[in-house]
């Protein structure tokens, strides 16, 4: 099986051949972000680290979309949304709400969390398992709710 980075590079070549400038621009942006992190940290990123980079870019797009929407800049919203679609194509399959809930419950039991003060421990366990597969803001809210009942 090829790595995520190889798949992204092949998609870039395909976008070049198809003269799909919007998709090509987004893929180049993604590859630049991956390369930047590899140079900064002097390492070769694995698929999990690349998913983290993609997740960060997805978050940035979502923030930009909400800001551009409130500013009434539909042209910029459309651009960010098209980039978001391309980026989400490289993310792993998202977990359902029930699956996230089960992971939260398992993590709470695993650390033996006794209350809100154990939030960091629980999130530490979940971050590795769910990174890129669930919205971590929503996961955090679920953990907070689970620990509030303890």
N, C-alpha and C. Protein backbone atom coordinates (compact mmCIF):
# COMPACT_ATOMS: atom_id res chain seq x y z
N UNK A 1 0.85 -1.19 0.00
CA UNK A 1 0.00 0.00 0.00
C UNK A 1 0.89 1.25 0.00
N UNK A 2 0.52 2.21 -0.80
CA UNK A 2 1.33 3.42 -0.87
C UNK A 2 1.01 4.35 0.30
N UNK A 3 1.94 5.21 0.60
CA UNK A 3 1.75 6.13 1.71
C UNK A 3 0.82 7.26 1.29
N UNK A 4 0.33 7.96 2.27
CA UNK A 4 -0.56 9.10 2.04
C UNK A 4 0.16 10.18 1.24
N UNK A 5 1.44 10.38 1.54
CA UNK A 5 2.22 11.40 0.83
C UNK A 5 2.35 11.05 -0.66
N UNK A 6 2.57 9.77 -0.95
CA UNK A 6 2.66 9.33 -2.35
C UNK A 6 1.33 9.55 -3.07
N UNK A 7 0.24 9.26 -2.36
CA UNK A 7 -1.09 9.44 -2.95
C UNK A 7 -1.35 10.91 -3.27
N UNK A 8 -0.95 11.79 -2.35
CA UNK A 8 -1.14 13.23 -2.56
C UNK A 8 -0.30 13.69 -3.75
N UNK A 9 0.94 13.19 -3.86
CA UNK A 9 1.81 13.57 -4.97
C UNK A 9 1.22 13.09 -6.30
N UNK A 10 0.70 11.86 -6.32
CA UNK A 10 0.08 11.33 -7.54
C UNK A 10 -1.16 12.16 -7.92
N UNK A 11 -1.93 12.56 -6.91
CA UNK A 11 -3.12 13.40 -7.17
C UNK A 11 -2.70 14.75 -7.75
N UNK A 12 -1.55 15.27 -7.28
CA UNK A 12 -1.07 16.54 -7.81
C UNK A 12 -0.73 16.40 -9.30
N UNK A 13 -0.06 15.30 -9.64
CA UNK A 13 0.28 15.06 -11.05
C UNK A 13 -0.98 14.93 -11.90
N UNK A 14 -1.97 14.22 -11.37
CA UNK A 14 -3.23 14.05 -12.10
C UNK A 14 -3.94 15.39 -12.29
N UNK A 15 -3.91 16.23 -11.26
CA UNK A 15 -4.54 17.55 -11.36
C UNK A 15 -3.81 18.42 -12.38
N UNK A 16 -2.49 18.27 -12.47
CA UNK A 16 -1.71 19.01 -13.47
C UNK A 16 -2.12 18.58 -14.88
N UNK A 17 -2.19 17.26 -15.07
CA UNK A 17 -2.57 16.74 -16.40
C UNK A 17 -3.98 17.17 -16.78
N UNK A 18 -4.88 17.22 -15.79
CA UNK A 18 -6.27 17.58 -16.05
C UNK A 18 -6.47 19.10 -16.10
N UNK A 19 -5.40 19.83 -15.83
CA UNK A 19 -5.44 21.30 -15.77
C UNK A 19 -6.53 21.80 -14.79
N UNK A 20 -6.65 21.08 -13.67
CA UNK A 20 -7.60 21.44 -12.61
C UNK A 20 -6.87 22.37 -11.65
N UNK A 21 -6.87 23.67 -11.96
CA UNK A 21 -6.03 24.62 -11.22
C UNK A 21 -6.45 24.77 -9.75
N UNK A 22 -7.74 24.72 -9.46
CA UNK A 22 -8.18 24.88 -8.07
C UNK A 22 -7.67 23.72 -7.21
N UNK A 23 -7.90 22.50 -7.69
CA UNK A 23 -7.47 21.30 -6.96
C UNK A 23 -5.94 21.29 -6.84
N UNK A 24 -5.27 21.63 -7.93
CA UNK A 24 -3.81 21.65 -7.95
C UNK A 24 -3.27 22.63 -6.91
N UNK A 25 -3.86 23.81 -6.84
CA UNK A 25 -3.42 24.81 -5.86
C UNK A 25 -3.55 24.32 -4.43
N UNK A 26 -4.67 23.66 -4.14
CA UNK A 26 -4.89 23.14 -2.78
C UNK A 26 -3.90 22.02 -2.46
N UNK A 27 -3.67 21.13 -3.42
CA UNK A 27 -2.74 20.02 -3.18
C UNK A 27 -1.32 20.56 -2.99
N UNK A 28 -0.94 21.55 -3.79
CA UNK A 28 0.39 22.15 -3.61
C UNK A 28 0.53 22.80 -2.24
N UNK A 29 -0.53 23.45 -1.79
CA UNK A 29 -0.55 24.07 -0.47
C UNK A 29 -0.33 23.01 0.61
N UNK A 30 -1.01 21.88 0.46
CA UNK A 30 -0.89 20.78 1.41
C UNK A 30 0.53 20.21 1.39
N UNK A 31 1.07 19.96 0.21
CA UNK A 31 2.43 19.43 0.12
C UNK A 31 3.45 20.41 0.70
N UNK A 32 3.22 21.70 0.50
CA UNK A 32 4.12 22.72 1.07
C UNK A 32 4.07 22.68 2.59
N UNK A 33 2.88 22.51 3.16
CA UNK A 33 2.74 22.44 4.62
C UNK A 33 3.44 21.20 5.17
N UNK A 34 3.32 20.08 4.45
CA UNK A 34 3.99 18.85 4.87
C UNK A 34 5.51 19.04 4.80
N UNK A 35 5.99 19.58 3.70
CA UNK A 35 7.42 19.80 3.50
C UNK A 35 7.97 20.76 4.56
N UNK A 36 7.21 21.81 4.87
CA UNK A 36 7.63 22.78 5.88
C UNK A 36 7.85 22.10 7.23
N UNK A 37 6.90 21.24 7.59
CA UNK A 37 7.02 20.56 8.88
C UNK A 37 8.20 19.59 8.87
N UNK A 38 8.42 18.89 7.73
CA UNK A 38 9.55 17.98 7.63
C UNK A 38 10.88 18.72 7.76
N UNK A 39 10.97 19.87 7.13
CA UNK A 39 12.20 20.67 7.19
C UNK A 39 12.41 21.22 8.60
N UNK A 40 11.34 21.77 9.19
CA UNK A 40 11.44 22.35 10.53
C UNK A 40 11.88 21.31 11.56
N UNK A 41 11.30 20.11 11.47
CA UNK A 41 11.57 19.08 12.49
C UNK A 41 12.66 18.10 12.06
N UNK A 42 13.16 18.26 10.81
CA UNK A 42 14.21 17.39 10.26
C UNK A 42 13.84 15.91 10.36
N UNK A 43 12.59 15.60 9.97
CA UNK A 43 12.12 14.22 9.99
C UNK A 43 11.30 13.95 8.72
N UNK A 44 11.07 12.68 8.45
CA UNK A 44 10.17 12.28 7.37
C UNK A 44 8.83 11.98 8.04
N UNK A 45 7.77 12.68 7.64
CA UNK A 45 6.47 12.50 8.28
C UNK A 45 5.83 11.18 7.86
N UNK A 46 5.26 10.49 8.83
CA UNK A 46 4.49 9.28 8.52
C UNK A 46 3.04 9.67 8.26
N UNK A 47 2.20 8.69 7.92
CA UNK A 47 0.81 8.98 7.58
C UNK A 47 0.06 9.67 8.73
N UNK A 48 0.34 9.26 9.97
CA UNK A 48 -0.36 9.86 11.12
C UNK A 48 0.01 11.34 11.25
N UNK A 49 1.27 11.66 11.07
CA UNK A 49 1.71 13.06 11.17
C UNK A 49 1.15 13.89 10.01
N UNK A 50 1.08 13.29 8.83
CA UNK A 50 0.51 13.98 7.67
C UNK A 50 -0.97 14.24 7.90
N UNK A 51 -1.66 13.29 8.51
CA UNK A 51 -3.08 13.48 8.85
C UNK A 51 -3.22 14.65 9.82
N UNK A 52 -2.28 14.80 10.74
CA UNK A 52 -2.29 15.93 11.67
C UNK A 52 -2.15 17.26 10.94
N UNK A 53 -1.27 17.29 9.93
CA UNK A 53 -1.08 18.50 9.12
C UNK A 53 -2.38 18.82 8.37
N UNK A 54 -2.99 17.80 7.78
CA UNK A 54 -4.24 17.99 7.04
C UNK A 54 -5.33 18.49 7.98
N UNK A 55 -5.40 17.89 9.18
CA UNK A 55 -6.40 18.29 10.16
C UNK A 55 -6.25 19.77 10.52
N UNK A 56 -5.02 20.21 10.68
CA UNK A 56 -4.75 21.62 11.00
C UNK A 56 -5.23 22.53 9.87
N UNK A 57 -4.95 22.13 8.61
CA UNK A 57 -5.39 22.92 7.47
C UNK A 57 -6.91 22.94 7.36
N UNK A 58 -7.55 21.83 7.68
CA UNK A 58 -9.02 21.76 7.65
C UNK A 58 -9.59 22.74 8.69
N UNK A 59 -8.99 22.73 9.88
CA UNK A 59 -9.44 23.65 10.94
C UNK A 59 -9.31 25.10 10.49
N UNK A 60 -8.17 25.42 9.85
CA UNK A 60 -7.95 26.79 9.37
C UNK A 60 -9.02 27.17 8.35
N UNK A 61 -9.36 26.24 7.45
CA UNK A 61 -10.40 26.52 6.44
C UNK A 61 -11.74 26.78 7.10
N UNK A 62 -12.08 25.98 8.10
CA UNK A 62 -13.36 26.15 8.80
C UNK A 62 -13.42 27.51 9.50
N UNK A 63 -12.32 27.90 10.14
CA UNK A 63 -12.26 29.21 10.80
C UNK A 63 -12.42 30.33 9.78
N UNK A 64 -11.71 30.21 8.66
CA UNK A 64 -11.78 31.23 7.60
C UNK A 64 -13.19 31.34 7.04
N UNK A 65 -13.84 30.19 6.84
CA UNK A 65 -15.20 30.19 6.29
C UNK A 65 -16.14 30.95 7.22
N UNK A 66 -16.04 30.70 8.53
CA UNK A 66 -16.94 31.40 9.45
C UNK A 66 -16.64 32.90 9.47
N UNK A 67 -15.37 33.27 9.40
CA UNK A 67 -15.01 34.69 9.40
C UNK A 67 -15.45 35.37 8.11
N UNK A 68 -15.23 34.71 6.97
CA UNK A 68 -15.62 35.31 5.69
C UNK A 68 -17.14 35.40 5.57
N UNK A 69 -17.85 34.41 6.13
CA UNK A 69 -19.32 34.44 6.10
C UNK A 69 -19.84 35.66 6.86
N UNK A 70 -19.28 35.86 8.05
CA UNK A 70 -19.75 36.99 8.85
C UNK A 70 -19.37 38.33 8.22
N UNK A 71 -18.33 38.32 7.37
CA UNK A 71 -17.93 39.56 6.69
C UNK A 71 -18.66 39.74 5.36
N UNK A 72 -19.47 38.73 4.99
CA UNK A 72 -20.24 38.84 3.75
C UNK A 72 -19.41 38.65 2.50
N UNK A 73 -18.31 37.90 2.58
CA UNK A 73 -17.44 37.67 1.42
C UNK A 73 -17.69 36.28 0.86
N UNK A 74 -18.79 36.11 0.15
CA UNK A 74 -19.16 34.80 -0.39
C UNK A 74 -18.12 34.25 -1.36
N UNK A 75 -17.45 35.12 -2.12
CA UNK A 75 -16.42 34.65 -3.05
C UNK A 75 -15.30 33.92 -2.31
N UNK A 76 -14.88 34.46 -1.16
CA UNK A 76 -13.82 33.83 -0.37
C UNK A 76 -14.34 32.58 0.34
N UNK A 77 -15.60 32.60 0.75
CA UNK A 77 -16.20 31.42 1.38
C UNK A 77 -16.18 30.26 0.39
N UNK A 78 -16.58 30.52 -0.86
CA UNK A 78 -16.61 29.48 -1.89
C UNK A 78 -15.22 28.89 -2.12
N UNK A 79 -14.20 29.74 -2.16
CA UNK A 79 -12.82 29.29 -2.37
C UNK A 79 -12.37 28.38 -1.22
N UNK A 80 -12.62 28.82 0.00
CA UNK A 80 -12.23 28.04 1.18
C UNK A 80 -12.98 26.71 1.22
N UNK A 81 -14.27 26.73 0.87
CA UNK A 81 -15.06 25.49 0.88
C UNK A 81 -14.55 24.50 -0.16
N UNK A 82 -14.14 24.99 -1.33
CA UNK A 82 -13.61 24.07 -2.34
C UNK A 82 -12.29 23.46 -1.86
N UNK A 83 -11.46 24.25 -1.18
CA UNK A 83 -10.21 23.73 -0.61
C UNK A 83 -10.51 22.71 0.48
N UNK A 84 -11.53 22.98 1.27
CA UNK A 84 -11.93 22.09 2.36
C UNK A 84 -12.33 20.72 1.81
N UNK A 85 -13.07 20.70 0.71
CA UNK A 85 -13.50 19.44 0.09
C UNK A 85 -12.28 18.61 -0.33
N UNK A 86 -11.30 19.27 -0.96
CA UNK A 86 -10.09 18.57 -1.41
C UNK A 86 -9.34 18.01 -0.20
N UNK A 87 -9.16 18.83 0.83
CA UNK A 87 -8.41 18.41 2.02
C UNK A 87 -9.11 17.26 2.74
N UNK A 88 -10.43 17.33 2.87
CA UNK A 88 -11.16 16.27 3.56
C UNK A 88 -11.06 14.93 2.84
N UNK A 89 -10.77 14.99 1.53
CA UNK A 89 -10.60 13.76 0.77
C UNK A 89 -9.40 12.93 1.24
N UNK A 90 -8.47 13.55 1.93
CA UNK A 90 -7.28 12.85 2.42
C UNK A 90 -7.41 12.43 3.88
N UNK A 91 -8.49 12.82 4.52
CA UNK A 91 -8.69 12.47 5.92
C UNK A 91 -9.22 11.04 6.02
N UNK A 92 -8.88 10.33 7.10
CA UNK A 92 -9.43 8.99 7.28
C UNK A 92 -10.95 9.06 7.50
N UNK A 93 -11.61 7.92 7.37
CA UNK A 93 -13.05 7.83 7.56
C UNK A 93 -13.42 8.39 8.94
N UNK A 94 -14.38 9.31 8.96
CA UNK A 94 -14.79 9.91 10.23
C UNK A 94 -15.62 8.93 11.07
N UNK A 95 -15.45 8.98 12.37
CA UNK A 95 -16.20 8.10 13.27
C UNK A 95 -17.60 8.66 13.48
N UNK A 96 -18.53 7.76 13.74
CA UNK A 96 -19.90 8.19 14.04
C UNK A 96 -19.94 8.69 15.48
N UNK A 97 -21.03 9.37 15.83
CA UNK A 97 -21.18 9.90 17.19
C UNK A 97 -21.15 8.77 18.22
N UNK A 98 -21.78 7.65 17.88
CA UNK A 98 -21.81 6.51 18.80
C UNK A 98 -20.41 5.93 19.01
N UNK A 99 -19.62 5.86 17.93
CA UNK A 99 -18.26 5.35 18.04
C UNK A 99 -17.39 6.26 18.89
N UNK A 100 -17.57 7.57 18.72
CA UNK A 100 -16.81 8.54 19.53
C UNK A 100 -17.20 8.40 20.99
N UNK A 101 -18.50 8.26 21.24
CA UNK A 101 -19.00 8.11 22.61
C UNK A 101 -18.39 6.87 23.27
N UNK A 102 -18.33 5.77 22.52
CA UNK A 102 -17.76 4.53 23.04
C UNK A 102 -16.27 4.72 23.35
N UNK A 103 -15.54 5.41 22.49
CA UNK A 103 -14.11 5.68 22.72
C UNK A 103 -13.92 6.54 23.96
N UNK A 104 -14.79 7.55 24.13
CA UNK A 104 -14.71 8.43 25.31
C UNK A 104 -14.93 7.61 26.58
N UNK A 105 -15.96 6.77 26.57
CA UNK A 105 -16.26 5.94 27.74
C UNK A 105 -15.09 5.00 28.06
N UNK A 106 -14.51 4.41 27.00
CA UNK A 106 -13.38 3.48 27.20
C UNK A 106 -12.17 4.23 27.76
N UNK A 107 -11.91 5.43 27.27
CA UNK A 107 -10.76 6.21 27.74
C UNK A 107 -10.95 6.64 29.19
N UNK A 108 -12.18 7.04 29.55
CA UNK A 108 -12.47 7.44 30.93
C UNK A 108 -12.21 6.25 31.86
N UNK A 109 -12.67 5.06 31.44
CA UNK A 109 -12.45 3.85 32.25
C UNK A 109 -10.97 3.49 32.30
N UNK A 110 -10.28 3.62 31.17
CA UNK A 110 -8.86 3.25 31.08
C UNK A 110 -8.00 4.06 32.04
N UNK A 111 -8.25 5.37 32.13
CA UNK A 111 -7.44 6.21 33.03
C UNK A 111 -8.00 6.22 34.44
N UNK A 112 -9.19 5.69 34.61
CA UNK A 112 -9.81 5.71 35.93
C UNK A 112 -10.13 7.13 36.35
N UNK A 113 -10.63 7.92 35.40
CA UNK A 113 -10.92 9.33 35.65
C UNK A 113 -12.00 9.46 36.72
N UNK A 114 -11.74 10.37 37.67
CA UNK A 114 -12.66 10.55 38.79
C UNK A 114 -13.43 11.86 38.73
N UNK A 115 -13.10 12.71 37.78
CA UNK A 115 -13.78 14.00 37.70
C UNK A 115 -13.11 14.91 36.69
N UNK A 116 -13.59 16.16 36.64
CA UNK A 116 -13.07 17.11 35.64
C UNK A 116 -11.56 17.34 35.71
N UNK A 117 -10.95 17.11 36.86
CA UNK A 117 -9.51 17.32 36.98
C UNK A 117 -8.71 16.31 36.13
N UNK A 118 -9.34 15.23 35.70
CA UNK A 118 -8.66 14.21 34.90
C UNK A 118 -8.86 14.40 33.39
N UNK A 119 -9.42 15.54 33.00
CA UNK A 119 -9.71 15.82 31.60
C UNK A 119 -8.46 15.68 30.72
N UNK A 120 -7.33 16.19 31.17
CA UNK A 120 -6.09 16.14 30.39
C UNK A 120 -5.64 14.72 30.12
N UNK A 121 -5.75 13.85 31.14
CA UNK A 121 -5.35 12.45 30.98
C UNK A 121 -6.22 11.77 29.93
N UNK A 122 -7.53 11.98 30.02
CA UNK A 122 -8.47 11.35 29.09
C UNK A 122 -8.22 11.86 27.67
N UNK A 123 -8.06 13.17 27.52
CA UNK A 123 -7.83 13.75 26.19
C UNK A 123 -6.50 13.26 25.62
N UNK A 124 -5.52 13.05 26.47
CA UNK A 124 -4.22 12.54 26.02
C UNK A 124 -4.36 11.17 25.37
N UNK A 125 -5.18 10.31 25.98
CA UNK A 125 -5.43 8.97 25.44
C UNK A 125 -6.20 9.08 24.12
N UNK A 126 -7.23 9.94 24.11
CA UNK A 126 -8.10 10.04 22.94
C UNK A 126 -7.43 10.72 21.75
N UNK A 127 -6.55 11.66 22.02
CA UNK A 127 -5.95 12.43 20.92
C UNK A 127 -5.22 11.51 19.94
N UNK A 128 -4.48 10.57 20.46
CA UNK A 128 -3.76 9.64 19.60
C UNK A 128 -4.69 8.73 18.82
N UNK A 129 -5.75 8.28 19.47
CA UNK A 129 -6.69 7.34 18.84
C UNK A 129 -7.59 8.01 17.80
N UNK A 130 -8.03 9.21 18.10
CA UNK A 130 -9.07 9.84 17.28
C UNK A 130 -8.58 10.94 16.35
N UNK A 131 -7.31 11.30 16.43
CA UNK A 131 -6.79 12.40 15.61
C UNK A 131 -7.13 12.19 14.14
N UNK A 132 -7.79 13.15 13.55
CA UNK A 132 -8.16 13.09 12.15
C UNK A 132 -9.42 12.29 11.86
N UNK A 133 -9.88 11.53 12.86
CA UNK A 133 -11.07 10.70 12.64
C UNK A 133 -12.30 11.26 13.33
N UNK A 134 -12.11 12.31 14.12
CA UNK A 134 -13.24 12.94 14.81
C UNK A 134 -12.89 14.40 15.10
N UNK A 135 -13.92 15.23 15.23
CA UNK A 135 -13.72 16.63 15.55
C UNK A 135 -13.34 16.71 17.03
N UNK A 136 -12.08 17.07 17.30
CA UNK A 136 -11.57 17.04 18.67
C UNK A 136 -12.27 18.04 19.58
N UNK A 137 -12.86 19.09 19.02
CA UNK A 137 -13.62 20.03 19.84
C UNK A 137 -14.86 19.35 20.40
N UNK A 138 -15.53 18.57 19.54
CA UNK A 138 -16.72 17.83 19.97
C UNK A 138 -16.33 16.73 20.96
N UNK A 139 -15.21 16.09 20.72
CA UNK A 139 -14.73 15.05 21.63
C UNK A 139 -14.46 15.65 23.01
N UNK A 140 -13.82 16.82 23.01
CA UNK A 140 -13.52 17.50 24.27
C UNK A 140 -14.80 17.80 25.04
N UNK A 141 -15.83 18.25 24.33
CA UNK A 141 -17.12 18.54 24.97
C UNK A 141 -17.73 17.27 25.55
N UNK A 142 -17.60 16.16 24.82
CA UNK A 142 -18.15 14.89 25.32
C UNK A 142 -17.40 14.42 26.56
N UNK A 143 -16.07 14.59 26.56
CA UNK A 143 -15.27 14.19 27.71
C UNK A 143 -15.67 15.03 28.92
N UNK A 144 -15.83 16.34 28.69
CA UNK A 144 -16.21 17.24 29.77
C UNK A 144 -17.56 16.82 30.38
N UNK A 145 -18.52 16.48 29.50
CA UNK A 145 -19.83 16.05 29.95
C UNK A 145 -19.73 14.71 30.72
N UNK A 146 -18.92 13.80 30.22
CA UNK A 146 -18.76 12.48 30.88
C UNK A 146 -18.14 12.65 32.26
N UNK A 147 -17.17 13.56 32.38
CA UNK A 147 -16.48 13.73 33.65
C UNK A 147 -17.28 14.57 34.63
N UNK A 148 -18.18 15.39 34.13
CA UNK A 148 -19.00 16.21 35.02
C UNK A 148 -19.95 15.35 35.84
N UNK A 149 -20.33 14.22 35.28
CA UNK A 149 -21.23 13.31 35.99
C UNK A 149 -20.54 12.47 37.04
N UNK A 150 -19.22 12.54 37.10
CA UNK A 150 -18.47 11.69 38.04
C UNK A 150 -18.36 12.33 39.39
